[in-house]
Amino acid sequence: MANFFRIINAIILWAIVIKFLPKKSLKRYLPVTLFCAGNLLILSLLNFIFKWWNVKGGTKFLIFDDLAFIYGPFFTINLWVFHFTYGKFSIYALSNLIMDLLFAFPLSALFQKIGHYKLNKISSMGLFIMYYVLALLNYGFQMLFEKEVNR
């Protein structure tokens, strides 16, 4: 059931991006979104060492879960957030603060309760800090990227 949810979730989110996100925004924010996905992949690899979280079913399910999350909701939402907030740092920072708090606390608790994953050696606060710092890093990357492109 969880795999079905992951696949449907990714299909719906990508269909919305393809249908409604302007192609100009997709082209403009794809590099930062790929940068972010790469950082999340590194965190997923580090999870094998530090055991921050686990997924029922072992390594195969952990890998599938991480990839589905990174290239599903995280990837598509990142594109939308940059589309609506880039150039307005305070709005970007506030929207990421709210989304990361929602993910780290009520949503993470819900996902753990339904058995989607379990946090081990990282707390919800640690998860929030990790994702919020990544959001700020992404904004800096986009600023530097656009500065280089516009040279």
N, C-alpha and C. Protein backbone atom coordinates (compact mmCIF):
# COMPACT_ATOMS: atom_id res chain seq x y z
N MET A 1 0.83 -1.20 0.00
CA MET A 1 0.00 0.00 0.00
C MET A 1 0.87 1.26 0.00
N ALA A 2 1.96 1.24 0.77
CA ALA A 2 2.84 2.41 0.83
C ALA A 2 3.47 2.68 -0.53
N ASN A 3 3.89 1.62 -1.24
CA ASN A 3 4.48 1.81 -2.57
C ASN A 3 3.47 2.38 -3.55
N PHE A 4 2.24 1.93 -3.47
CA PHE A 4 1.17 2.46 -4.32
C PHE A 4 1.00 3.96 -4.06
N PHE A 5 0.98 4.34 -2.78
CA PHE A 5 0.85 5.75 -2.41
C PHE A 5 2.02 6.56 -2.95
N ARG A 6 3.23 6.04 -2.84
CA ARG A 6 4.41 6.76 -3.32
C ARG A 6 4.34 7.00 -4.82
N ILE A 7 3.98 5.97 -5.56
CA ILE A 7 3.93 6.07 -7.02
C ILE A 7 2.82 7.03 -7.46
N ILE A 8 1.64 6.88 -6.90
CA ILE A 8 0.52 7.76 -7.26
C ILE A 8 0.84 9.20 -6.90
N ASN A 9 1.42 9.40 -5.72
CA ASN A 9 1.80 10.73 -5.27
C ASN A 9 2.76 11.38 -6.27
N ALA A 10 3.79 10.65 -6.67
CA ALA A 10 4.78 11.19 -7.62
C ALA A 10 4.13 11.48 -8.97
N ILE A 11 3.28 10.59 -9.45
CA ILE A 11 2.63 10.80 -10.76
C ILE A 11 1.76 12.04 -10.73
N ILE A 12 0.96 12.19 -9.69
CA ILE A 12 0.07 13.36 -9.58
C ILE A 12 0.89 14.65 -9.50
N LEU A 13 1.92 14.66 -8.64
CA LEU A 13 2.72 15.87 -8.48
C LEU A 13 3.44 16.24 -9.77
N TRP A 14 4.00 15.26 -10.48
CA TRP A 14 4.68 15.54 -11.74
C TRP A 14 3.70 15.97 -12.82
N ALA A 15 2.50 15.41 -12.83
CA ALA A 15 1.48 15.82 -13.81
C ALA A 15 1.10 17.29 -13.59
N ILE A 16 0.99 17.70 -12.34
CA ILE A 16 0.68 19.09 -12.02
C ILE A 16 1.81 20.00 -12.47
N VAL A 17 3.06 19.61 -12.23
CA VAL A 17 4.21 20.41 -12.65
C VAL A 17 4.21 20.55 -14.18
N ILE A 18 4.06 19.45 -14.87
CA ILE A 18 4.12 19.47 -16.34
C ILE A 18 2.98 20.30 -16.92
N LYS A 19 1.81 20.19 -16.33
CA LYS A 19 0.64 20.90 -16.84
C LYS A 19 0.65 22.39 -16.51
N PHE A 20 1.06 22.74 -15.29
CA PHE A 20 0.84 24.12 -14.83
C PHE A 20 2.09 24.96 -14.60
N LEU A 21 3.23 24.37 -14.32
CA LEU A 21 4.42 25.19 -14.09
C LEU A 21 4.92 25.72 -15.42
N PRO A 22 5.10 27.04 -15.52
CA PRO A 22 5.61 27.58 -16.79
C PRO A 22 6.97 26.97 -17.15
N LYS A 23 7.13 26.67 -18.43
CA LYS A 23 8.38 26.04 -18.90
C LYS A 23 9.59 26.89 -18.55
N LYS A 24 9.44 28.21 -18.58
CA LYS A 24 10.53 29.11 -18.22
C LYS A 24 10.98 28.88 -16.78
N SER A 25 10.02 28.70 -15.88
CA SER A 25 10.35 28.43 -14.47
C SER A 25 11.00 27.07 -14.31
N LEU A 26 10.51 26.08 -15.04
CA LEU A 26 11.11 24.75 -14.97
C LEU A 26 12.58 24.83 -15.39
N LYS A 27 12.84 25.50 -16.48
CA LYS A 27 14.22 25.64 -16.97
C LYS A 27 15.07 26.45 -15.99
N ARG A 28 14.50 27.49 -15.42
CA ARG A 28 15.24 28.37 -14.51
C ARG A 28 15.58 27.68 -13.18
N TYR A 29 14.64 26.91 -12.63
CA TYR A 29 14.83 26.34 -11.30
C TYR A 29 15.20 24.86 -11.30
N LEU A 30 15.34 24.27 -12.47
CA LEU A 30 15.75 22.87 -12.52
C LEU A 30 17.15 22.66 -11.95
N PRO A 31 18.14 23.53 -12.24
CA PRO A 31 19.47 23.31 -11.65
C PRO A 31 19.47 23.30 -10.12
N VAL A 32 18.78 24.23 -9.48
CA VAL A 32 18.77 24.26 -8.02
C VAL A 32 18.01 23.05 -7.47
N THR A 33 16.99 22.61 -8.18
CA THR A 33 16.25 21.45 -7.72
C THR A 33 17.10 20.19 -7.86
N LEU A 34 17.88 20.08 -8.91
CA LEU A 34 18.81 18.95 -9.06
C LEU A 34 19.91 19.01 -7.99
N PHE A 35 20.38 20.22 -7.70
CA PHE A 35 21.36 20.42 -6.62
C PHE A 35 20.79 19.92 -5.29
N CYS A 36 19.55 20.30 -5.03
CA CYS A 36 18.88 19.88 -3.80
C CYS A 36 18.71 18.36 -3.77
N ALA A 37 18.29 17.79 -4.88
CA ALA A 37 18.11 16.33 -4.94
C ALA A 37 19.44 15.63 -4.69
N GLY A 38 20.51 16.17 -5.24
CA GLY A 38 21.83 15.60 -5.00
C GLY A 38 22.21 15.63 -3.53
N ASN A 39 21.91 16.75 -2.87
CA ASN A 39 22.19 16.85 -1.43
C ASN A 39 21.35 15.86 -0.63
N LEU A 40 20.11 15.68 -1.02
CA LEU A 40 19.26 14.71 -0.34
C LEU A 40 19.75 13.29 -0.57
N LEU A 41 20.27 13.02 -1.76
CA LEU A 41 20.85 11.70 -2.03
C LEU A 41 22.06 11.45 -1.13
N ILE A 42 22.87 12.49 -0.94
CA ILE A 42 24.03 12.36 -0.04
C ILE A 42 23.55 12.08 1.38
N LEU A 43 22.51 12.79 1.84
CA LEU A 43 21.97 12.52 3.18
C LEU A 43 21.44 11.09 3.27
N SER A 44 20.82 10.61 2.21
CA SER A 44 20.32 9.23 2.19
C SER A 44 21.47 8.23 2.28
N LEU A 45 22.56 8.52 1.59
CA LEU A 45 23.73 7.64 1.68
C LEU A 45 24.34 7.69 3.07
N LEU A 46 24.40 8.88 3.65
CA LEU A 46 24.92 9.01 5.01
C LEU A 46 24.04 8.26 6.02
N ASN A 47 22.77 8.13 5.69
CA ASN A 47 21.86 7.39 6.57
C ASN A 47 22.30 5.93 6.72
N PHE A 48 22.93 5.36 5.71
CA PHE A 48 23.42 3.99 5.83
C PHE A 48 24.50 3.88 6.91
N ILE A 49 25.24 4.95 7.11
CA ILE A 49 26.29 4.96 8.13
C ILE A 49 25.70 5.33 9.50
N PHE A 50 24.92 6.40 9.54
CA PHE A 50 24.47 6.95 10.82
C PHE A 50 23.13 6.40 11.31
N LYS A 51 22.40 5.72 10.43
CA LYS A 51 21.11 5.09 10.81
C LYS A 51 20.13 6.09 11.42
N TRP A 52 19.96 7.24 10.74
CA TRP A 52 19.05 8.26 11.22
C TRP A 52 17.60 7.81 11.18
N TRP A 53 17.24 7.07 10.12
CA TRP A 53 15.87 6.57 9.98
C TRP A 53 15.92 5.21 9.31
N ASN A 54 14.83 4.48 9.44
CA ASN A 54 14.74 3.22 8.73
C ASN A 54 13.33 3.04 8.18
N VAL A 55 13.23 2.14 7.22
CA VAL A 55 11.97 1.85 6.57
C VAL A 55 11.73 0.35 6.71
N LYS A 56 10.51 0.00 7.03
CA LYS A 56 10.16 -1.41 7.16
C LYS A 56 10.42 -2.11 5.82
N GLY A 57 11.11 -3.25 5.86
CA GLY A 57 11.38 -4.01 4.64
C GLY A 57 12.84 -4.04 4.26
N GLY A 58 13.67 -3.29 4.97
CA GLY A 58 15.10 -3.36 4.73
C GLY A 58 15.62 -2.37 3.71
N THR A 59 16.84 -2.63 3.26
CA THR A 59 17.58 -1.70 2.40
C THR A 59 16.87 -1.41 1.09
N LYS A 60 16.33 -2.43 0.45
CA LYS A 60 15.65 -2.22 -0.84
C LYS A 60 14.51 -1.23 -0.70
N PHE A 61 13.71 -1.38 0.35
CA PHE A 61 12.58 -0.48 0.57
C PHE A 61 13.06 0.91 1.00
N LEU A 62 14.16 0.97 1.75
CA LEU A 62 14.73 2.25 2.16
C LEU A 62 15.17 3.04 0.94
N ILE A 63 15.85 2.39 0.02
CA ILE A 63 16.32 3.06 -1.19
C ILE A 63 15.13 3.54 -2.03
N PHE A 64 14.15 2.66 -2.22
CA PHE A 64 12.97 3.03 -3.00
C PHE A 64 12.23 4.19 -2.35
N ASP A 65 12.08 4.14 -1.04
CA ASP A 65 11.38 5.19 -0.31
C ASP A 65 12.10 6.53 -0.45
N ASP A 66 13.42 6.51 -0.26
CA ASP A 66 14.20 7.75 -0.37
C ASP A 66 14.09 8.34 -1.78
N LEU A 67 14.26 7.50 -2.80
CA LEU A 67 14.19 7.99 -4.18
C LEU A 67 12.79 8.51 -4.52
N ALA A 68 11.77 7.80 -4.06
CA ALA A 68 10.40 8.24 -4.31
C ALA A 68 10.12 9.59 -3.65
N PHE A 69 10.64 9.79 -2.46
CA PHE A 69 10.45 11.06 -1.76
C PHE A 69 11.24 12.19 -2.44
N ILE A 70 12.49 11.91 -2.77
CA ILE A 70 13.34 12.95 -3.37
C ILE A 70 12.83 13.39 -4.73
N TYR A 71 12.51 12.43 -5.59
CA TYR A 71 12.11 12.77 -6.96
C TYR A 71 10.60 12.90 -7.13
N GLY A 72 9.86 12.75 -6.05
CA GLY A 72 8.42 12.96 -6.06
C GLY A 72 8.11 14.29 -5.40
N PRO A 73 7.62 14.25 -4.16
CA PRO A 73 7.18 15.48 -3.52
C PRO A 73 8.28 16.52 -3.31
N PHE A 74 9.46 16.10 -2.87
CA PHE A 74 10.50 17.09 -2.58
C PHE A 74 10.91 17.84 -3.84
N PHE A 75 11.10 17.13 -4.94
CA PHE A 75 11.54 17.72 -6.19
C PHE A 75 10.48 18.69 -6.73
N THR A 76 9.24 18.21 -6.81
CA THR A 76 8.19 19.03 -7.42
C THR A 76 7.83 20.23 -6.54
N ILE A 77 7.78 20.03 -5.23
CA ILE A 77 7.47 21.16 -4.34
C ILE A 77 8.58 22.20 -4.39
N ASN A 78 9.82 21.75 -4.48
CA ASN A 78 10.95 22.68 -4.58
C ASN A 78 10.80 23.58 -5.82
N LEU A 79 10.41 22.99 -6.93
CA LEU A 79 10.19 23.79 -8.15
C LEU A 79 9.12 24.85 -7.93
N TRP A 80 8.01 24.47 -7.32
CA TRP A 80 6.93 25.41 -7.07
C TRP A 80 7.33 26.50 -6.09
N VAL A 81 8.03 26.15 -5.04
CA VAL A 81 8.44 27.15 -4.05
C VAL A 81 9.35 28.19 -4.70
N PHE A 82 10.31 27.75 -5.49
CA PHE A 82 11.17 28.72 -6.17
C PHE A 82 10.38 29.55 -7.17
N HIS A 83 9.45 28.94 -7.87
CA HIS A 83 8.64 29.68 -8.85
C HIS A 83 7.89 30.83 -8.17
N PHE A 84 7.31 30.56 -7.01
CA PHE A 84 6.49 31.58 -6.35
C PHE A 84 7.27 32.52 -5.44
N THR A 85 8.45 32.13 -4.96
CA THR A 85 9.09 32.96 -3.93
C THR A 85 10.48 33.46 -4.27
N TYR A 86 11.11 32.96 -5.34
CA TYR A 86 12.49 33.39 -5.58
C TYR A 86 12.53 34.88 -5.87
N GLY A 87 13.50 35.55 -5.26
CA GLY A 87 13.63 37.00 -5.37
C GLY A 87 13.00 37.71 -4.19
N LYS A 88 12.28 36.95 -3.38
CA LYS A 88 11.64 37.48 -2.16
C LYS A 88 12.10 36.58 -1.01
N PHE A 89 13.32 36.82 -0.53
CA PHE A 89 13.93 35.90 0.43
C PHE A 89 13.09 35.70 1.68
N SER A 90 12.50 36.75 2.22
CA SER A 90 11.74 36.59 3.45
C SER A 90 10.54 35.67 3.24
N ILE A 91 9.89 35.76 2.11
CA ILE A 91 8.75 34.87 1.81
C ILE A 91 9.26 33.44 1.61
N TYR A 92 10.40 33.31 0.91
CA TYR A 92 11.00 31.98 0.71
C TYR A 92 11.35 31.35 2.06
N ALA A 93 12.02 32.12 2.91
CA ALA A 93 12.45 31.60 4.22
C ALA A 93 11.24 31.25 5.08
N LEU A 94 10.22 32.09 5.08
CA LEU A 94 9.03 31.83 5.89
C LEU A 94 8.27 30.61 5.35
N SER A 95 8.11 30.50 4.05
CA SER A 95 7.37 29.36 3.50
C SER A 95 8.12 28.06 3.78
N ASN A 96 9.45 28.07 3.67
CA ASN A 96 10.22 26.88 3.99
C ASN A 96 10.18 26.56 5.48
N LEU A 97 10.20 27.59 6.30
CA LEU A 97 10.09 27.39 7.74
C LEU A 97 8.79 26.66 8.07
N ILE A 98 7.70 27.14 7.52
CA ILE A 98 6.39 26.52 7.77
C ILE A 98 6.34 25.10 7.22
N MET A 99 6.76 24.91 5.97
CA MET A 99 6.70 23.57 5.37
C MET A 99 7.61 22.58 6.09
N ASP A 100 8.81 23.02 6.45
CA ASP A 100 9.74 22.12 7.14
C ASP A 100 9.27 21.79 8.55
N LEU A 101 8.66 22.76 9.24
CA LEU A 101 8.07 22.47 10.55
C LEU A 101 6.92 21.48 10.43
N LEU A 102 6.06 21.68 9.42
CA LEU A 102 4.94 20.75 9.21
C LEU A 102 5.45 19.35 8.89
N PHE A 103 6.48 19.28 8.05
CA PHE A 103 7.00 17.96 7.70
C PHE A 103 7.67 17.30 8.90
N ALA A 104 8.49 18.04 9.63
CA ALA A 104 9.28 17.44 10.71
C ALA A 104 8.43 17.02 11.90
N PHE A 105 7.34 17.70 12.13
CA PHE A 105 6.57 17.39 13.34
C PHE A 105 5.26 16.66 13.04
N PRO A 106 4.19 17.31 12.62
CA PRO A 106 2.96 16.51 12.49
C PRO A 106 3.02 15.45 11.38
N LEU A 107 3.59 15.79 10.22
CA LEU A 107 3.63 14.81 9.14
C LEU A 107 4.57 13.65 9.45
N SER A 108 5.74 13.96 10.00
CA SER A 108 6.67 12.89 10.35
C SER A 108 6.07 11.96 11.41
N ALA A 109 5.38 12.54 12.37
CA ALA A 109 4.72 11.72 13.39
C ALA A 109 3.65 10.84 12.75
N LEU A 110 2.89 11.40 11.83
CA LEU A 110 1.86 10.63 11.13
C LEU A 110 2.49 9.50 10.32
N PHE A 111 3.55 9.81 9.55
CA PHE A 111 4.20 8.80 8.73
C PHE A 111 4.80 7.68 9.59
N GLN A 112 5.31 8.05 10.75
CA GLN A 112 5.84 7.03 11.66
C GLN A 112 4.71 6.18 12.25
N LYS A 113 3.61 6.83 12.56
CA LYS A 113 2.48 6.11 13.16
C LYS A 113 1.90 5.08 12.18
N ILE A 114 1.84 5.42 10.90
CA ILE A 114 1.29 4.48 9.91
C ILE A 114 2.35 3.50 9.41
N GLY A 115 3.57 3.62 9.93
CA GLY A 115 4.62 2.66 9.58
C GLY A 115 5.37 2.95 8.30
N HIS A 116 5.27 4.19 7.82
CA HIS A 116 5.98 4.57 6.59
C HIS A 116 7.49 4.55 6.81
N TYR A 117 7.93 5.13 7.91
CA TYR A 117 9.34 5.09 8.31
C TYR A 117 9.41 5.32 9.81
N LYS A 118 10.62 5.18 10.34
CA LYS A 118 10.83 5.40 11.78
C LYS A 118 12.13 6.17 11.96
N LEU A 119 12.07 7.27 12.70
CA LEU A 119 13.28 8.00 13.03
C LEU A 119 14.01 7.24 14.13
N ASN A 120 15.33 7.11 13.99
CA ASN A 120 16.13 6.39 14.97
C ASN A 120 17.06 7.32 15.71
N LYS A 121 18.13 7.71 15.06
CA LYS A 121 19.17 8.51 15.70
C LYS A 121 19.10 9.98 15.33
N ILE A 122 17.92 10.41 14.92
CA ILE A 122 17.69 11.82 14.66
C ILE A 122 16.29 12.14 15.18
N SER A 123 16.17 13.29 15.78
CA SER A 123 14.86 13.70 16.31
C SER A 123 14.11 14.48 15.23
N SER A 124 12.87 14.75 15.50
CA SER A 124 12.09 15.60 14.59
C SER A 124 12.74 16.98 14.46
N MET A 125 13.28 17.49 15.57
CA MET A 125 13.96 18.78 15.53
C MET A 125 15.20 18.69 14.64
N GLY A 126 15.95 17.62 14.75
CA GLY A 126 17.12 17.42 13.89
C GLY A 126 16.73 17.34 12.43
N LEU A 127 15.62 16.67 12.14
CA LEU A 127 15.12 16.58 10.78
C LEU A 127 14.74 17.97 10.26
N PHE A 128 14.05 18.73 11.10
CA PHE A 128 13.67 20.10 10.72
C PHE A 128 14.91 20.94 10.41
N ILE A 129 15.90 20.91 11.29
CA ILE A 129 17.11 21.71 11.09
C ILE A 129 17.82 21.30 9.81
N MET A 130 17.92 19.99 9.56
CA MET A 130 18.59 19.49 8.36
C MET A 130 17.91 20.03 7.10
N TYR A 131 16.58 19.95 7.05
CA TYR A 131 15.87 20.39 5.85
C TYR A 131 15.84 21.91 5.72
N TYR A 132 15.76 22.62 6.83
CA TYR A 132 15.73 24.08 6.74
C TYR A 132 17.08 24.64 6.30
N VAL A 133 18.15 24.08 6.83
CA VAL A 133 19.50 24.49 6.40
C VAL A 133 19.67 24.20 4.90
N LEU A 134 19.17 23.05 4.47
CA LEU A 134 19.24 22.71 3.05
C LEU A 134 18.46 23.72 2.21
N ALA A 135 17.31 24.16 2.69
CA ALA A 135 16.52 25.16 1.96
C ALA A 135 17.30 26.47 1.81
N LEU A 136 17.97 26.89 2.88
CA LEU A 136 18.75 28.13 2.81
C LEU A 136 19.95 27.96 1.88
N LEU A 137 20.57 26.80 1.92
CA LEU A 137 21.67 26.49 1.01
C LEU A 137 21.20 26.53 -0.44
N ASN A 138 20.02 26.01 -0.69
CA ASN A 138 19.45 26.03 -2.05
C ASN A 138 19.27 27.46 -2.56
N TYR A 139 18.79 28.33 -1.70
CA TYR A 139 18.58 29.72 -2.11
C TYR A 139 19.92 30.37 -2.48
N GLY A 140 20.92 30.12 -1.67
CA GLY A 140 22.25 30.64 -1.99
C GLY A 140 22.78 30.07 -3.28
N PHE A 141 22.57 28.79 -3.53
CA PHE A 141 22.99 28.17 -4.78
C PHE A 141 22.31 28.86 -5.96
N GLN A 142 21.01 29.09 -5.86
CA GLN A 142 20.28 29.73 -6.97
C GLN A 142 20.79 31.13 -7.22
N MET A 143 21.10 31.87 -6.17
CA MET A 143 21.64 33.23 -6.34
C MET A 143 22.98 33.17 -7.08
N LEU A 144 23.86 32.28 -6.65
CA LEU A 144 25.17 32.15 -7.31
C LEU A 144 25.03 31.65 -8.75
N PHE A 145 24.13 30.71 -8.95
CA PHE A 145 23.91 30.17 -10.29
C PHE A 145 23.43 31.25 -11.24
N GLU A 146 22.47 32.04 -10.81
CA GLU A 146 21.95 33.10 -11.68
C GLU A 146 22.99 34.19 -11.90
N LYS A 147 23.81 34.45 -10.91
CA LYS A 147 24.87 35.45 -11.06
C LYS A 147 25.84 35.00 -12.14
N GLU A 148 26.19 33.70 -12.14
CA GLU A 148 27.10 33.16 -13.17
C GLU A 148 26.47 33.14 -14.54
N VAL A 149 25.21 32.76 -14.61
CA VAL A 149 24.51 32.69 -15.90
C VAL A 149 24.37 34.08 -16.51
N ASN A 150 24.18 35.08 -15.69
CA ASN A 150 23.95 36.45 -16.18
C ASN A 150 25.25 37.24 -16.38
N ARG A 151 26.40 36.61 -16.21
CA ARG A 151 27.68 37.30 -16.41
C ARG A 151 27.90 37.60 -17.85
